C-alpha cells in the first residue's frame, strides 16, 4: 500500500498553490496591464505635484487647477497628453520642458511603461496673487 502526500503549496494541490520547485521566470509568469485611465490619473497627479514644485506655489493655490490628462498605452509604451494652467509670469519654455521631463520620468518609474511622448497644452496663464479674472 502506497500513500502520496501532497503539500499545500505544490502544483498538484487541489487549491492550485504555488510550486516552489518548478518556479517560472518572471517574464513567463504573465503581465500586469495598467488601464489607460489609471496611467492618465497617475500622470495628472505627477504633473500637479511637479508643477507646484517648479513654480514654488503651494499645492492648495486655488487659481491653479489640477492637470487634465489622457494616456494611450500599447505594448509597454505610453503616450501622454496633459493640459495645465501656469502662473504668470514664468519662463514658459523652461517650465514646460522641465514638466514634460519630470512627468515622463516619474510615470515611467511608477508604471514600468516606456513614455514615448508627453504632449503639453497650456490652458491658461494665471496671474499670481489673483484668484479670479479681473475685467
C-alpha atoms as a PDB file:
ATOM      1  CA  UNK A   1       0.000   0.000   0.000  1.00  0.00           C
ATOM      2  CA  UNK A   2       1.492   3.318  -1.001  1.00  0.00           C
ATOM      3  CA  UNK A   3       0.452   6.764   0.047  1.00  0.00           C
ATOM      4  CA  UNK A   4       1.065  10.000  -1.773  1.00  0.00           C
ATOM      5  CA  UNK A   5       1.452  13.150   0.255  1.00  0.00           C
ATOM      6  CA  UNK A   6       0.652  16.498  -1.292  1.00  0.00           C
ATOM      7  CA  UNK A   7       1.884  19.668   0.300  1.00  0.00           C
ATOM      8  CA  UNK A   8      -0.398  22.688   0.396  1.00  0.00           C
ATOM      9  CA  UNK A   9       1.968  24.631  -1.870  1.00  0.00           C
ATOM     10  CA  UNK A  10       2.520  22.081  -4.635  1.00  0.00           C
ATOM     11  CA  UNK A  11       1.338  22.390  -8.214  1.00  0.00           C
ATOM     12  CA  UNK A  12      -0.713  19.243  -7.681  1.00  0.00           C
ATOM     13  CA  UNK A  13      -2.511  20.871  -4.803  1.00  0.00           C
ATOM     14  CA  UNK A  14      -6.272  20.946  -5.241  1.00  0.00           C
ATOM     15  CA  UNK A  15      -6.132  24.588  -4.188  1.00  0.00           C
ATOM     16  CA  UNK A  16      -3.882  25.454  -7.149  1.00  0.00           C
ATOM     17  CA  UNK A  17      -0.999  26.537  -4.930  1.00  0.00           C
ATOM     18  CA  UNK A  18       2.498  27.624  -5.857  1.00  0.00           C
ATOM     19  CA  UNK A  19       5.140  25.034  -6.749  1.00  0.00           C
ATOM     20  CA  UNK A  20       8.485  26.315  -5.442  1.00  0.00           C
ATOM     21  CA  UNK A  21      10.438  23.591  -7.238  1.00  0.00           C
ATOM     22  CA  UNK A  22       9.138  24.431 -10.743  1.00  0.00           C
ATOM     23  CA  UNK A  23       9.187  28.209 -10.472  1.00  0.00           C
ATOM     24  CA  UNK A  24       8.746  30.115 -13.781  1.00  0.00           C
ATOM     25  CA  UNK A  25      10.974  33.073 -14.619  1.00  0.00           C
ATOM     26  CA  UNK A  26       9.237  36.460 -14.187  1.00  0.00           C
ATOM     27  CA  UNK A  27       8.937  37.052 -17.949  1.00  0.00           C
ATOM     28  CA  UNK A  28       6.959  33.835 -18.373  1.00  0.00           C
ATOM     29  CA  UNK A  29       4.554  34.326 -15.453  1.00  0.00           C
ATOM     30  CA  UNK A  30       2.371  36.886 -17.178  1.00  0.00           C
ATOM     31  CA  UNK A  31       1.973  40.623 -17.402  1.00  0.00           C
ATOM     32  CA  UNK A  32       0.325  43.348 -15.406  1.00  0.00           C
ATOM     33  CA  UNK A  33      -1.880  45.526 -17.585  1.00  0.00           C
ATOM     34  CA  UNK A  34      -2.440  49.087 -16.413  1.00  0.00           C
ATOM     35  CA  UNK A  35      -5.551  50.683 -17.977  1.00  0.00           C
ATOM     36  CA  UNK A  36      -5.161  53.975 -19.861  1.00  0.00           C
ATOM     37  CA  UNK A  37      -7.335  55.840 -17.364  1.00  0.00           C
ATOM     38  CA  UNK A  38      -5.079  54.763 -14.491  1.00  0.00           C
ATOM     39  CA  UNK A  39      -1.943  55.899 -16.333  1.00  0.00           C
ATOM     40  CA  UNK A  40      -3.715  59.215 -17.050  1.00  0.00           C
ATOM     41  CA  UNK A  41      -4.577  59.703 -13.370  1.00  0.00           C
ATOM     42  CA  UNK A  42      -1.005  58.944 -12.349  1.00  0.00           C
ATOM     43  CA  UNK A  43       0.273  61.432 -14.949  1.00  0.00           C
ATOM     44  CA  UNK A  44      -2.168  64.125 -13.756  1.00  0.00           C
ATOM     45  CA  UNK A  45      -1.101  63.704 -10.141  1.00  0.00           C
ATOM     46  CA  UNK A  46       2.597  63.710 -11.042  1.00  0.00           C
ATOM     47  CA  UNK A  47       2.144  66.808 -13.229  1.00  0.00           C
ATOM     48  CA  UNK A  48       0.266  68.660 -10.499  1.00  0.00           C
ATOM     49  CA  UNK A  49       2.917  67.863  -7.897  1.00  0.00           C
ATOM     50  CA  UNK A  50       5.795  68.768 -10.239  1.00  0.00           C
ATOM     51  CA  UNK A  51       4.079  71.982 -11.370  1.00  0.00           C
ATOM     52  CA  UNK A  52       3.621  73.238  -7.824  1.00  0.00           C
ATOM     53  CA  UNK A  53       7.222  72.392  -7.008  1.00  0.00           C
ATOM     54  CA  UNK A  54       8.576  74.032 -10.191  1.00  0.00           C
ATOM     55  CA  UNK A  55       6.559  77.220  -9.745  1.00  0.00           C
ATOM     56  CA  UNK A  56       7.129  77.316  -5.968  1.00  0.00           C
ATOM     57  CA  UNK A  57       3.423  77.735  -5.311  1.00  0.00           C
ATOM     58  CA  UNK A  58       1.698  75.778  -2.553  1.00  0.00           C
ATOM     59  CA  UNK A  59      -0.410  72.798  -3.721  1.00  0.00           C
ATOM     60  CA  UNK A  60      -3.510  74.457  -2.275  1.00  0.00           C
ATOM     61  CA  UNK A  61      -3.148  77.508  -4.574  1.00  0.00           C
ATOM     62  CA  UNK A  62      -6.751  77.934  -5.702  1.00  0.00           C
ATOM     63  CA  UNK A  63      -6.042  79.615  -9.018  1.00  0.00           C
ATOM     64  CA  UNK A  64      -4.066  76.701 -10.485  1.00  0.00           C
ATOM     65  CA  UNK A  65      -6.457  73.912 -11.296  1.00  0.00           C
ATOM     66  CA  UNK A  66      -5.465  70.268 -11.413  1.00  0.00           C
ATOM     67  CA  UNK A  67      -3.989  68.961 -14.639  1.00  0.00           C
ATOM     68  CA  UNK A  68      -6.151  67.252 -17.204  1.00  0.00           C
ATOM     69  CA  UNK A  69      -4.565  64.153 -18.692  1.00  0.00           C
ATOM     70  CA  UNK A  70      -5.108  61.476 -21.327  1.00  0.00           C
ATOM     71  CA  UNK A  71      -2.993  58.403 -21.902  1.00  0.00           C
ATOM     72  CA  UNK A  72      -2.734  55.870 -24.694  1.00  0.00           C
ATOM     73  CA  UNK A  73      -0.858  52.675 -23.955  1.00  0.00           C
ATOM     74  CA  UNK A  74       0.220  49.960 -26.322  1.00  0.00           C
ATOM     75  CA  UNK A  75       2.688  47.120 -25.918  1.00  0.00           C
ATOM     76  CA  UNK A  76       4.573  48.566 -22.937  1.00  0.00           C
ATOM     77  CA  UNK A  77       4.679  52.131 -24.275  1.00  0.00           C
ATOM     78  CA  UNK A  78       2.547  55.122 -23.336  1.00  0.00           C
ATOM     79  CA  UNK A  79       1.803  58.484 -24.911  1.00  0.00           C
ATOM     80  CA  UNK A  80       0.583  61.195 -22.547  1.00  0.00           C
ATOM     81  CA  UNK A  81      -1.359  64.385 -23.236  1.00  0.00           C
ATOM     82  CA  UNK A  82      -1.539  66.919 -20.405  1.00  0.00           C
ATOM     83  CA  UNK A  83      -3.300  70.257 -20.104  1.00  0.00           C
ATOM     84  CA  UNK A  84      -2.171  72.614 -17.353  1.00  0.00           C
ATOM     85  CA  UNK A  85      -2.556  76.132 -16.035  1.00  0.00           C
ATOM     86  CA  UNK A  86       0.702  78.021 -15.491  1.00  0.00           C
ATOM     87  CA  UNK A  87       1.351  81.021 -13.269  1.00  0.00           C
ATOM     88  CA  UNK A  88       2.177  84.361 -14.848  1.00  0.00           C
ATOM     89  CA  UNK A  89       4.926  85.498 -15.022  1.00  0.00           C
ATOM     90  CA  UNK A  90       7.002  82.382 -15.635  1.00  0.00           C
ATOM     91  CA  UNK A  91       9.526  81.130 -18.159  1.00  0.00           C
ATOM     92  CA  UNK A  92       7.092  79.113 -20.274  1.00  0.00           C
ATOM     93  CA  UNK A  93       9.635  77.177 -22.343  1.00  0.00           C
ATOM     94  CA  UNK A  94      11.768  76.145 -19.373  1.00  0.00           C
ATOM     95  CA  UNK A  95       8.789  75.275 -17.168  1.00  0.00           C
ATOM     96  CA  UNK A  96       7.079  73.226 -19.896  1.00  0.00           C
ATOM     97  CA  UNK A  97      10.266  71.377 -20.829  1.00  0.00           C
ATOM     98  CA  UNK A  98      11.068  70.524 -17.214  1.00  0.00           C
ATOM     99  CA  UNK A  99       7.465  69.467 -16.566  1.00  0.00           C
ATOM    100  CA  UNK A 100       7.496  67.141 -19.589  1.00  0.00           C
ATOM    101  CA  UNK A 101      10.784  65.534 -18.491  1.00  0.00           C
ATOM    102  CA  UNK A 102       9.688  65.045 -14.898  1.00  0.00           C
ATOM    103  CA  UNK A 103       6.298  63.612 -15.829  1.00  0.00           C
ATOM    104  CA  UNK A 104       7.871  61.177 -18.313  1.00  0.00           C
ATOM    105  CA  UNK A 105      10.493  60.002 -15.806  1.00  0.00           C
ATOM    106  CA  UNK A 106       8.147  59.641 -12.828  1.00  0.00           C
ATOM    107  CA  UNK A 107       5.279  57.958 -14.730  1.00  0.00           C
ATOM    108  CA  UNK A 108       7.768  55.510 -16.268  1.00  0.00           C
ATOM    109  CA  UNK A 109       9.146  54.811 -12.809  1.00  0.00           C
ATOM    110  CA  UNK A 110       5.697  54.253 -11.265  1.00  0.00           C
ATOM    111  CA  UNK A 111       4.146  52.198 -14.076  1.00  0.00           C
ATOM    112  CA  UNK A 112       7.075  50.433 -15.728  1.00  0.00           C
ATOM    113  CA  UNK A 113       5.966  51.768 -19.119  1.00  0.00           C
ATOM    114  CA  UNK A 114       8.229  53.493 -21.636  1.00  0.00           C
ATOM    115  CA  UNK A 115       6.909  57.018 -22.163  1.00  0.00           C
ATOM    116  CA  UNK A 116       7.329  57.861 -25.835  1.00  0.00           C
ATOM    117  CA  UNK A 117       5.698  61.309 -25.787  1.00  0.00           C
ATOM    118  CA  UNK A 118       4.374  63.902 -23.366  1.00  0.00           C
ATOM    119  CA  UNK A 119       2.268  66.455 -25.228  1.00  0.00           C
ATOM    120  CA  UNK A 120       1.661  69.524 -23.089  1.00  0.00           C
ATOM    121  CA  UNK A 121      -1.107  72.087 -23.612  1.00  0.00           C
ATOM    122  CA  UNK A 122      -1.162  75.299 -21.591  1.00  0.00           C
ATOM    123  CA  UNK A 123      -4.841  76.081 -20.950  1.00  0.00           C
ATOM    124  CA  UNK A 124      -4.320  79.489 -19.411  1.00  0.00           C
ATOM    125  CA  UNK A 125      -1.892  81.712 -17.561  1.00  0.00           C
ATOM    126  CA  UNK A 126      -2.887  82.644 -14.023  1.00  0.00           C
ATOM    127  CA  UNK A 127      -1.647  85.901 -12.537  1.00  0.00           C
ATOM    128  CA  UNK A 128      -0.015  85.161  -9.184  1.00  0.00           C
ATOM    129  CA  UNK A 129      -1.971  86.531  -6.230  1.00  0.00           C
ATOM    130  CA  UNK A 130      -5.291  86.758  -8.078  1.00  0.00           C
ATOM    131  CA  UNK A 131      -7.894  84.062  -7.692  1.00  0.00           C
ATOM    132  CA  UNK A 132     -10.469  85.432 -10.123  1.00  0.00           C
ATOM    133  CA  UNK A 133     -10.471  87.026 -13.541  1.00  0.00           C
ATOM    134  CA  UNK A 134     -10.439  90.837 -13.461  1.00  0.00           C
ATOM    135  CA  UNK A 135     -12.337  92.900 -16.024  1.00  0.00           C
END
